[in-house]
N, C-alpha and C. Protein backbone atom coordinates (compact mmCIF):
# COMPACT_ATOMS: atom_id res chain seq x y z
N MET A 1 37.11 50.15 19.98
CA MET A 1 36.28 50.84 19.10
C MET A 1 35.07 50.35 20.02
N GLU A 2 34.41 51.51 20.62
CA GLU A 2 33.41 51.91 21.54
C GLU A 2 32.08 52.31 21.08
N ILE A 3 31.59 51.31 21.17
CA ILE A 3 29.96 51.54 20.37
C ILE A 3 28.97 52.19 21.66
N SER A 4 28.50 53.37 20.73
CA SER A 4 27.45 54.46 21.00
C SER A 4 26.23 54.06 21.61
N ASP A 5 25.54 54.29 22.50
CA ASP A 5 24.60 53.53 23.50
C ASP A 5 23.02 53.79 23.12
N THR A 6 23.35 55.25 21.87
CA THR A 6 22.40 55.58 21.09
C THR A 6 22.92 55.55 19.50
N PHE A 7 21.88 56.00 18.75
CA PHE A 7 21.94 55.18 17.14
C PHE A 7 20.46 55.94 16.78
N GLN A 8 20.81 56.12 14.93
CA GLN A 8 19.96 56.49 14.70
C GLN A 8 18.67 55.23 13.64
N ILE A 9 17.65 55.41 13.88
CA ILE A 9 16.87 54.36 12.86
C ILE A 9 15.97 55.27 12.34
N THR A 10 15.27 54.89 10.95
CA THR A 10 14.06 55.43 10.22
C THR A 10 13.15 54.63 10.55
N LEU A 11 11.88 55.50 11.07
CA LEU A 11 10.87 55.13 11.10
C LEU A 11 9.88 55.30 10.00
N LYS A 12 8.89 54.46 9.91
CA LYS A 12 7.87 55.07 8.78
C LYS A 12 6.36 54.80 9.64
N VAL A 13 5.87 56.22 9.56
CA VAL A 13 4.62 55.69 10.70
C VAL A 13 3.49 56.46 9.53
N GLY A 14 2.82 55.73 9.34
CA GLY A 14 0.99 56.09 8.23
C GLY A 14 2.00 56.47 7.07
N THR A 15 2.37 57.54 6.39
CA THR A 15 3.01 57.80 4.77
C THR A 15 4.31 58.94 5.48
N THR A 16 4.45 59.06 6.32
CA THR A 16 5.68 59.62 6.99
C THR A 16 6.87 58.88 7.35
N THR A 17 8.13 59.14 6.97
CA THR A 17 9.00 58.67 7.45
C THR A 17 10.16 59.22 7.98
N PHE A 18 10.99 59.06 9.44
CA PHE A 18 11.72 60.14 9.62
C PHE A 18 12.49 59.55 10.77
N PRO A 19 13.81 59.99 10.95
CA PRO A 19 14.81 59.51 11.25
C PRO A 19 14.56 60.12 12.98
N ILE A 20 15.34 59.26 13.47
CA ILE A 20 15.03 59.28 15.41
C ILE A 20 16.24 58.52 15.98
N THR A 21 16.77 59.57 16.86
CA THR A 21 17.89 58.80 17.49
C THR A 21 17.73 58.25 18.56
N ILE A 22 17.41 56.91 19.06
CA ILE A 22 17.18 56.30 20.37
C ILE A 22 18.06 55.35 20.65
N ARG A 23 17.85 54.87 22.11
CA ARG A 23 18.70 54.23 22.84
C ARG A 23 18.55 52.68 22.41
N ARG A 24 20.07 52.38 22.17
CA ARG A 24 19.95 50.78 21.63
C ARG A 24 19.26 49.93 22.35
N ASP A 25 19.39 49.63 23.38
CA ASP A 25 18.19 48.99 23.86
C ASP A 25 16.52 48.96 24.18
N GLU A 26 15.95 50.21 23.25
CA GLU A 26 14.66 50.29 22.93
C GLU A 26 14.30 50.36 21.32
N GLU A 27 15.25 50.08 20.67
CA GLU A 27 14.91 49.41 18.95
C GLU A 27 13.73 48.42 18.86
N LEU A 28 13.52 47.85 19.79
CA LEU A 28 12.57 47.12 20.05
C LEU A 28 11.15 47.54 20.09
N TYR A 29 11.03 48.62 21.17
CA TYR A 29 9.90 48.92 21.52
C TYR A 29 9.27 49.72 20.20
N TYR A 30 10.61 50.42 19.63
CA TYR A 30 10.44 51.36 18.64
C TYR A 30 9.43 50.97 17.58
N ARG A 31 10.42 49.52 17.10
CA ARG A 31 9.83 49.04 16.16
C ARG A 31 8.48 48.41 16.29
N ASN A 32 8.11 48.00 17.39
CA ASN A 32 6.98 47.82 17.70
C ASN A 32 5.91 48.56 17.58
N ALA A 33 6.21 49.60 18.33
CA ALA A 33 5.45 50.75 17.98
C ALA A 33 4.71 51.20 16.72
N GLU A 34 5.98 51.21 15.62
CA GLU A 34 5.93 51.55 14.35
C GLU A 34 4.58 50.56 14.18
N LYS A 35 4.81 49.39 14.18
CA LYS A 35 4.80 48.05 13.35
C LYS A 35 2.85 48.56 13.86
N LEU A 36 2.30 48.87 15.39
CA LEU A 36 1.00 48.97 15.84
C LEU A 36 0.68 49.79 15.46
N ILE A 37 1.24 51.39 15.64
CA ILE A 37 0.79 52.79 14.76
C ILE A 37 0.26 51.82 13.43
N ASN A 38 0.88 51.56 12.51
CA ASN A 38 0.91 51.33 11.44
C ASN A 38 -0.45 50.36 10.92
N GLN A 39 -0.63 49.31 12.26
CA GLN A 39 -1.77 47.93 11.99
C GLN A 39 -2.90 49.60 12.14
N LYS A 40 -3.16 49.82 13.15
CA LYS A 40 -4.17 50.86 13.17
C LYS A 40 -4.67 51.77 12.11
N PHE A 41 -3.28 52.56 11.73
CA PHE A 41 -3.60 53.36 10.65
C PHE A 41 -4.01 52.73 9.54
N SER A 42 -3.52 51.22 9.19
CA SER A 42 -4.42 50.87 8.05
C SER A 42 -5.80 50.54 7.92
N TYR A 43 -6.07 50.04 9.22
CA TYR A 43 -7.34 49.57 9.73
C TYR A 43 -8.53 50.69 9.40
N TYR A 44 -7.98 51.92 10.03
CA TYR A 44 -8.75 53.31 9.76
C TYR A 44 -8.87 53.42 8.23
N ALA A 45 -7.76 53.47 7.61
CA ALA A 45 -7.64 54.12 6.35
C ALA A 45 -8.87 52.75 5.30
N ASN A 46 -8.78 51.72 5.80
CA ASN A 46 -9.50 50.39 4.93
C ASN A 46 -11.16 50.79 5.31
N HIS A 47 -11.33 51.21 6.63
CA HIS A 47 -12.83 52.03 7.12
C HIS A 47 -13.24 52.58 6.69
N TYR A 48 -12.37 54.05 6.68
CA TYR A 48 -12.80 55.14 6.38
C TYR A 48 -12.40 55.70 5.49
N PRO A 49 -12.69 55.30 3.95
CA PRO A 49 -11.68 55.95 2.88
C PRO A 49 -12.23 57.38 2.93
N ARG A 50 -10.88 57.96 1.98
CA ARG A 50 -11.27 59.49 1.66
C ARG A 50 -10.85 60.58 2.43
N GLN A 51 -10.06 60.02 3.90
CA GLN A 51 -9.79 60.83 5.13
C GLN A 51 -8.58 61.48 4.49
N GLU A 52 -8.13 62.34 5.23
CA GLU A 52 -6.51 62.91 5.14
C GLU A 52 -5.91 61.97 5.68
N ASN A 53 -4.39 61.69 6.23
CA ASN A 53 -3.40 60.76 6.12
C ASN A 53 -3.23 61.52 7.70
N GLU A 54 -3.61 62.61 7.84
CA GLU A 54 -3.64 62.84 9.47
C GLU A 54 -4.79 62.40 10.29
N THR A 55 -5.81 62.72 9.56
CA THR A 55 -6.88 61.90 10.54
C THR A 55 -6.82 60.44 10.90
N TYR A 56 -6.03 60.02 9.74
CA TYR A 56 -5.73 58.25 10.39
C TYR A 56 -4.81 58.00 11.31
N LEU A 57 -4.11 58.88 11.43
CA LEU A 57 -2.81 59.18 12.40
C LEU A 57 -3.39 59.34 13.82
N MET A 58 -4.51 60.34 13.74
CA MET A 58 -5.36 60.75 14.73
C MET A 58 -6.12 59.33 15.62
N MET A 59 -6.81 58.98 14.50
CA MET A 59 -7.97 57.64 14.79
C MET A 59 -6.89 56.80 15.35
N ALA A 60 -5.78 56.28 15.08
CA ALA A 60 -4.53 55.56 15.57
C ALA A 60 -4.18 55.90 16.86
N THR A 61 -3.86 56.88 16.74
CA THR A 61 -3.48 57.12 18.35
C THR A 61 -4.24 57.27 19.05
N LEU A 62 -5.65 57.71 19.12
CA LEU A 62 -6.53 57.58 20.24
C LEU A 62 -7.06 56.33 20.62
N ASP A 63 -7.03 55.09 19.50
CA ASP A 63 -7.31 54.15 19.30
C ASP A 63 -6.61 53.63 20.63
N ILE A 64 -5.13 53.69 20.49
CA ILE A 64 -3.94 53.40 21.21
C ILE A 64 -4.08 53.88 22.85
N ALA A 65 -4.40 55.33 22.75
CA ALA A 65 -4.64 55.65 23.89
C ALA A 65 -6.12 55.52 24.92
N VAL A 66 -6.42 55.10 24.47
CA VAL A 66 -7.77 54.18 24.94
C VAL A 66 -7.00 53.11 25.32
N THR A 67 -6.95 52.15 24.10
CA THR A 67 -6.62 50.93 24.97
C THR A 67 -5.52 51.03 26.32
N LEU A 68 -4.84 51.75 26.48
CA LEU A 68 -3.52 51.99 27.17
C LEU A 68 -4.52 52.30 28.72
N GLN A 69 -5.39 53.66 28.42
CA GLN A 69 -6.23 54.02 29.68
C GLN A 69 -6.92 52.77 30.17
N LYS A 70 -7.31 52.16 29.44
CA LYS A 70 -8.15 50.73 29.64
C LYS A 70 -7.17 49.78 30.75
N ALA A 71 -6.00 49.47 30.29
CA ALA A 71 -5.06 48.85 30.94
C ALA A 71 -4.24 49.47 32.14
N GLU A 72 -4.36 50.89 31.66
CA GLU A 72 -4.00 51.33 33.14
C GLU A 72 -5.08 51.18 34.99
N ALA A 73 -5.93 51.24 34.02
CA ALA A 73 -7.20 51.14 35.19
C ALA A 73 -7.30 49.96 35.91
N THR A 74 -7.01 49.05 35.14
CA THR A 74 -7.09 47.26 35.25
C THR A 74 -5.79 47.16 36.00
N GLY A 75 -4.59 47.95 36.09
CA GLY A 75 -3.35 47.39 36.31
C GLY A 75 -2.21 48.48 36.56
N ASN A 76 -1.26 48.03 36.96
CA ASN A 76 -0.33 49.41 36.87
C ASN A 76 0.87 49.38 35.81
N LEU A 77 0.10 50.52 35.06
CA LEU A 77 0.75 50.85 33.54
C LEU A 77 1.92 51.67 33.99
N LYS A 78 2.20 52.39 34.93
CA LYS A 78 2.98 54.07 35.17
C LYS A 78 4.53 53.31 34.58
N PRO A 79 5.13 52.02 34.59
CA PRO A 79 6.44 52.42 33.97
C PRO A 79 6.57 52.60 32.43
N VAL A 80 4.92 51.64 31.61
CA VAL A 80 4.92 51.87 30.14
C VAL A 80 4.58 53.18 29.71
N MET A 81 3.56 53.89 30.17
CA MET A 81 3.19 55.04 30.25
C MET A 81 4.98 56.11 30.35
N GLY A 82 5.91 55.91 31.04
CA GLY A 82 6.79 56.97 31.07
C GLY A 82 7.53 56.65 29.48
N ILE A 83 7.56 55.37 29.21
CA ILE A 83 8.35 54.95 28.16
C ILE A 83 7.58 55.61 26.68
N LEU A 84 6.13 55.45 27.06
CA LEU A 84 5.35 56.51 25.99
C LEU A 84 5.59 57.62 25.70
N GLU A 85 5.82 58.20 27.01
CA GLU A 85 5.65 60.00 27.35
C GLU A 85 7.24 60.06 26.52
N GLU A 86 8.19 59.33 26.96
CA GLU A 86 9.10 59.44 25.65
C GLU A 86 9.45 59.64 24.25
N LEU A 87 8.49 58.51 24.17
CA LEU A 87 8.73 58.51 22.59
C LEU A 87 7.75 58.98 22.07
N VAL A 88 6.30 59.39 22.76
CA VAL A 88 6.00 60.67 22.10
C VAL A 88 6.73 62.19 21.84
N THR A 89 7.26 62.18 22.78
CA THR A 89 8.40 63.73 22.79
C THR A 89 9.25 63.30 21.92
N GLU A 90 10.11 62.31 21.85
CA GLU A 90 11.00 62.10 20.53
C GLU A 90 10.63 62.30 19.24
N VAL A 91 9.21 61.75 18.61
CA VAL A 91 8.45 61.73 17.51
C VAL A 91 8.02 63.07 17.32
N GLU A 92 7.59 63.59 18.19
CA GLU A 92 6.83 65.23 18.26
C GLU A 92 8.36 65.85 17.45
N GLY A 93 9.22 65.92 18.15
CA GLY A 93 10.55 66.41 18.00
C GLY A 93 10.95 66.34 16.65
N ALA A 94 10.63 65.04 16.06
CA ALA A 94 11.51 64.57 14.96
C ALA A 94 10.25 64.72 13.61
N LEU A 95 9.08 64.97 14.15
CA LEU A 95 8.09 65.54 13.37
C LEU A 95 8.68 67.38 12.99
N LYS A 96 9.00 68.33 13.67
CA LYS A 96 9.01 69.50 13.27
C LYS A 96 9.97 69.75 12.93
């Protein structure tokens, strides 16, 4: 029996749950990204109540992007940025 290089997982980002097909060797990255986004989402939801969920997701995304830009300015994050761009493409595709 052959195991596929890809499989489907379900992510919950903010209040949205969606299936996404990923490579098996990247599952940990997706799970950690999910956790990070949800931590930021919760932070902004607690500090800025009565906003739309989309606002919390945008604030979390901006926070993470700024952190990555700072890290990129001080070191070489080109490989990480490539992975993140792929992740964003996958998530956007799943949300459409």
